[in-house]
C-alpha atoms as a PDB file:
ATOM      1  CA  MET A   1     101.439 -75.790-193.126  1.00  0.00           C
ATOM      2  CA  SER A   2      97.766 -76.262-191.557  1.00  0.00           C
ATOM      3  CA  HIS A   3      97.768 -78.103-188.481  1.00  0.00           C
ATOM      4  CA  GLU A   4      95.159 -78.459-185.671  1.00  0.00           C
ATOM      5  CA  ARG A   5      95.343 -76.220-182.330  1.00  0.00           C
ATOM      6  CA  PHE A   6      96.060 -78.131-179.596  1.00  0.00           C
ATOM      7  CA  VAL A   7      93.022 -77.253-177.783  1.00  0.00           C
ATOM      8  CA  HIS A   8      90.562 -78.689-180.459  1.00  0.00           C
ATOM      9  CA  GLY A   9      92.330 -82.561-179.980  1.00  0.00           C
ATOM     10  CA  TYR A  10      92.560 -81.826-176.042  1.00  0.00           C
ATOM     11  CA  LEU A  11      90.412 -84.072-173.787  1.00  0.00           C
ATOM     12  CA  GLY A  12      90.035 -81.663-171.195  1.00  0.00           C
ATOM     13  CA  TYR A  13      89.101 -78.806-173.464  1.00  0.00           C
ATOM     14  CA  LEU A  14      86.563 -80.746-175.799  1.00  0.00           C
ATOM     15  CA  LEU A  15      84.692 -82.051-172.514  1.00  0.00           C
ATOM     16  CA  GLY A  16      84.546 -78.610-171.355  1.00  0.00           C
ATOM     17  CA  GLN A  17      83.299 -77.407-174.350  1.00  0.00           C
ATOM     18  CA  ALA A  18      80.790 -79.933-174.501  1.00  0.00           C
ATOM     19  CA  ASN A  19      79.726 -79.197-170.635  1.00  0.00           C
ATOM     20  CA  HIS A  20      79.100 -75.523-171.749  1.00  0.00           C
ATOM     21  CA  ALA A  21      77.302 -76.192-174.422  1.00  0.00           C
ATOM     22  CA  LEU A  22      75.175 -78.660-172.803  1.00  0.00           C
ATOM     23  CA  TYR A  23      74.414 -76.403-170.096  1.00  0.00           C
ATOM     24  CA  LYS A  24      74.396 -72.693-171.265  1.00  0.00           C
ATOM     25  CA  ASP A  25      71.167 -73.586-172.770  1.00  0.00           C
ATOM     26  CA  PHE A  26      70.023 -75.062-169.328  1.00  0.00           C
ATOM     27  CA  ASP A  27      70.573 -73.028-167.119  1.00  0.00           C
ATOM     28  CA  GLY A  28      67.788 -70.449-167.969  1.00  0.00           C
ATOM     29  CA  HIS A  29      65.318 -73.357-166.524  1.00  0.00           C
ATOM     30  CA  VAL A  30      67.931 -73.649-163.491  1.00  0.00           C
ATOM     31  CA  ARG A  31      67.248 -70.397-162.731  1.00  0.00           C
ATOM     32  CA  ALA A  32      63.823 -69.443-163.805  1.00  0.00           C
ATOM     33  CA  ALA A  33      63.069 -72.159-160.670  1.00  0.00           C
ATOM     34  CA  GLY A  34      64.649 -70.295-158.604  1.00  0.00           C
ATOM     35  CA  LEU A  35      67.758 -72.080-158.067  1.00  0.00           C
ATOM     36  CA  SER A  36      71.553 -71.932-158.690  1.00  0.00           C
ATOM     37  CA  SER A  37      73.453 -74.122-160.272  1.00  0.00           C
ATOM     38  CA  ILE A  38      74.563 -76.687-157.441  1.00  0.00           C
ATOM     39  CA  GLU A  39      71.129 -76.196-155.957  1.00  0.00           C
ATOM     40  CA  TRP A  40      69.822 -78.219-158.655  1.00  0.00           C
ATOM     41  CA  ARG A  41      72.897 -80.699-159.282  1.00  0.00           C
ATOM     42  CA  VAL A  42      72.356 -81.296-155.357  1.00  0.00           C
ATOM     43  CA  LEU A  43      68.712 -82.133-155.968  1.00  0.00           C
ATOM     44  CA  ALA A  44      69.485 -84.101-159.117  1.00  0.00           C
ATOM     45  CA  THR A  45      71.699 -86.205-156.793  1.00  0.00           C
ATOM     46  CA  LEU A  46      69.526 -86.860-154.443  1.00  0.00           C
ATOM     47  CA  HIS A  47      66.032 -87.215-156.294  1.00  0.00           C
ATOM     48  CA  ASP A  48      66.609 -90.608-156.986  1.00  0.00           C
ATOM     49  CA  GLY A  49      69.549 -91.734-155.013  1.00  0.00           C
ATOM     50  CA  PRO A  50      69.589 -92.711-151.205  1.00  0.00           C
ATOM     51  CA  PRO A  51      70.273 -89.821-148.610  1.00  0.00           C
ATOM     52  CA  MET A  52      74.291 -89.795-148.820  1.00  0.00           C
ATOM     53  CA  THR A  53      76.842 -87.997-146.038  1.00  0.00           C
ATOM     54  CA  VAL A  54      77.580 -84.624-146.802  1.00  0.00           C
ATOM     55  CA  SER A  55      81.065 -85.273-148.297  1.00  0.00           C
ATOM     56  CA  GLN A  56      79.645 -88.132-150.638  1.00  0.00           C
ATOM     57  CA  LEU A  57      77.160 -85.382-152.228  1.00  0.00           C
ATOM     58  CA  ALA A  58      80.153 -82.544-152.684  1.00  0.00           C
ATOM     59  CA  HIS A  59      81.781 -85.090-154.423  1.00  0.00           C
ATOM     60  CA  GLU A  60      78.602 -86.328-156.858  1.00  0.00           C
ATOM     61  CA  VAL A  61      78.250 -81.987-156.879  1.00  0.00           C
ATOM     62  CA  LEU A  62      81.891 -81.527-158.056  1.00  0.00           C
ATOM     63  CA  SER A  63      82.272 -78.860-155.232  1.00  0.00           C
ATOM     64  CA  LYS A  64      84.241 -78.770-151.846  1.00  0.00           C
ATOM     65  CA  GLN A  65      82.835 -79.949-148.549  1.00  0.00           C
ATOM     66  CA  PRO A  66      82.633 -76.782-147.185  1.00  0.00           C
ATOM     67  CA  THR A  67      80.979 -74.969-149.543  1.00  0.00           C
ATOM     68  CA  VAL A  68      78.252 -78.455-149.934  1.00  0.00           C
ATOM     69  CA  THR A  69      77.992 -78.018-145.780  1.00  0.00           C
ATOM     70  CA  LYS A  70      76.829 -74.171-146.084  1.00  0.00           C
ATOM     71  CA  LEU A  71      74.438 -74.962-148.799  1.00  0.00           C
ATOM     72  CA  VAL A  72      72.653 -77.778-147.122  1.00  0.00           C
ATOM     73  CA  GLN A  73      72.345 -75.924-144.233  1.00  0.00           C
ATOM     74  CA  ARG A  74      70.646 -72.990-146.551  1.00  0.00           C
ATOM     75  CA  MET A  75      68.626 -75.738-148.681  1.00  0.00           C
ATOM     76  CA  THR A  76      67.189 -77.346-145.221  1.00  0.00           C
ATOM     77  CA  GLU A  77      65.712 -74.001-144.455  1.00  0.00           C
ATOM     78  CA  GLN A  78      64.227 -73.707-147.617  1.00  0.00           C
ATOM     79  CA  GLY A  79      62.726 -77.188-146.880  1.00  0.00           C
ATOM     80  CA  TRP A  80      64.097 -79.095-149.987  1.00  0.00           C
ATOM     81  CA  VAL A  81      66.260 -81.407-148.233  1.00  0.00           C
ATOM     82  CA  GLU A  82      66.454 -82.805-144.823  1.00  0.00           C
ATOM     83  CA  LEU A  83      69.198 -84.069-142.494  1.00  0.00           C
ATOM     84  CA  LEU A  84      68.909 -87.880-141.399  1.00  0.00           C
ATOM     85  CA  ALA A  85      70.704 -89.991-138.303  1.00  0.00           C
ATOM     86  CA  ASP A  86      72.644 -92.173-140.066  1.00  0.00           C
ATOM     87  CA  PRO A  87      71.006 -95.851-138.841  1.00  0.00           C
ATOM     88  CA  ASP A  88      74.257 -97.245-139.801  1.00  0.00           C
ATOM     89  CA  ASP A  89      76.656 -94.774-137.866  1.00  0.00           C
ATOM     90  CA  GLN A  90      75.265 -92.302-135.148  1.00  0.00           C
ATOM     91  CA  ARG A  91      77.936 -90.046-135.522  1.00  0.00           C
ATOM     92  CA  ARG A  92      77.228 -89.758-139.422  1.00  0.00           C
ATOM     93  CA  THR A  93      74.361 -87.211-140.710  1.00  0.00           C
ATOM     94  CA  LEU A  94      72.584 -88.106-143.819  1.00  0.00           C
ATOM     95  CA  VAL A  95      71.075 -85.443-146.082  1.00  0.00           C
ATOM     96  CA  GLY A  96      68.088 -86.461-148.342  1.00  0.00           C
ATOM     97  CA  ILE A  97      65.466 -84.606-150.463  1.00  0.00           C
ATOM     98  CA  THR A  98      61.932 -83.937-149.029  1.00  0.00           C
ATOM     99  CA  THR A  99      58.685 -84.061-150.867  1.00  0.00           C
ATOM    100  CA  ALA A 100      58.959 -80.367-152.044  1.00  0.00           C
ATOM    101  CA  GLY A 101      62.491 -80.841-153.211  1.00  0.00           C
ATOM    102  CA  LYS A 102      61.302 -83.650-155.220  1.00  0.00           C
ATOM    103  CA  ARG A 103      58.330 -81.545-156.788  1.00  0.00           C
ATOM    104  CA  LEU A 104      61.134 -78.801-157.328  1.00  0.00           C
ATOM    105  CA  VAL A 105      63.238 -80.382-159.094  1.00  0.00           C
ATOM    106  CA  ARG A 106      61.520 -83.132-161.399  1.00  0.00           C
ATOM    107  CA  PRO A 107      59.698 -80.870-163.834  1.00  0.00           C
ATOM    108  CA  LEU A 108      63.637 -79.745-164.348  1.00  0.00           C
ATOM    109  CA  LEU A 109      64.932 -83.335-164.624  1.00  0.00           C
ATOM    110  CA  GLU A 110      62.245 -83.754-167.479  1.00  0.00           C
ATOM    111  CA  LYS A 111      63.445 -80.337-169.296  1.00  0.00           C
ATOM    112  CA  ALA A 112      67.225 -82.069-168.669  1.00  0.00           C
ATOM    113  CA  ARG A 113      66.243 -85.052-170.634  1.00  0.00           C
ATOM    114  CA  ALA A 114      64.395 -83.136-173.361  1.00  0.00           C
ATOM    115  CA  HIS A 115      67.627 -80.968-173.870  1.00  0.00           C
ATOM    116  CA  GLU A 116      70.019 -83.963-173.697  1.00  0.00           C
ATOM    117  CA  SER A 117      68.325 -85.816-176.091  1.00  0.00           C
ATOM    118  CA  GLN A 118      68.022 -82.466-178.099  1.00  0.00           C
ATOM    119  CA  MET A 119      72.218 -81.826-177.949  1.00  0.00           C
ATOM    120  CA  LEU A 120      72.343 -85.545-178.542  1.00  0.00           C
ATOM    121  CA  SER A 121      70.152 -85.454-181.990  1.00  0.00           C
ATOM    122  CA  ALA A 122      73.612 -85.349-184.086  1.00  0.00           C
ATOM    123  CA  LEU A 123      74.521 -88.934-183.073  1.00  0.00           C
ATOM    124  CA  ALA A 124      73.094 -92.081-183.500  1.00  0.00           C
ATOM    125  CA  SER A 125      71.485 -94.003-180.440  1.00  0.00           C
ATOM    126  CA  SER A 126      74.225 -96.551-181.018  1.00  0.00           C
ATOM    127  CA  GLU A 127      77.167 -93.337-180.610  1.00  0.00           C
ATOM    128  CA  GLN A 128      74.962 -91.365-177.371  1.00  0.00           C
ATOM    129  CA  ALA A 129      75.246 -95.262-175.729  1.00  0.00           C
ATOM    130  CA  ALA A 130      78.738 -95.442-176.606  1.00  0.00           C
ATOM    131  CA  LEU A 131      79.542 -91.715-175.734  1.00  0.00           C
ATOM    132  CA  LYS A 132      78.166 -92.236-172.346  1.00  0.00           C
ATOM    133  CA  LYS A 133      79.713 -95.327-171.598  1.00  0.00           C
ATOM    134  CA  LEU A 134      83.319 -93.890-172.569  1.00  0.00           C
ATOM    135  CA  LEU A 135      82.375 -90.973-170.052  1.00  0.00           C
ATOM    136  CA  GLN A 136      81.332 -92.991-167.310  1.00  0.00           C
ATOM    137  CA  LYS A 137      84.587 -95.072-167.301  1.00  0.00           C
ATOM    138  CA  LEU A 138      86.769 -91.855-167.835  1.00  0.00           C
ATOM    139  CA  ALA A 139      84.887 -90.412-164.675  1.00  0.00           C
ATOM    140  CA  GLY A 140      85.550 -94.211-162.998  1.00  0.00           C
ATOM    141  CA  ARG A 141      82.377 -94.880-162.556  1.00  0.00           C
ATOM    142  CA  ASN A 142      82.156 -98.031-164.761  1.00  0.00           C
ATOM    143  CA  PRO A 143      78.420 -99.160-165.772  1.00  0.00           C
END
């Protein structure tokens, strides 16, 4: 009797395997740029968006707030991000990307797009769009 193993049909496992397949080859580019994977995620998140609080940033980069707080301090010292006063609430501090941070992450964004395109090349463009839309929906980010 032939049956499929549980993990081969389990969404969490499949998403984890897909994430690993996507990131394992790209990680070399991140390391070559002198960044850790979480530094890459922070810079990629801030690159084309507004400054955000550390808690928002932690949520976006899938990390804990204390970890991101320490990371932001180091990245500020590197000159990649800056701390800004929140114009709507002076008690809050926002994290924004600097020109140096954008300069550092821009080539990686281009490589990430090319790598993603290569990884998705087995899918038709309609399947690629559907996959992204479904993943956004699962993540609670309805497009």
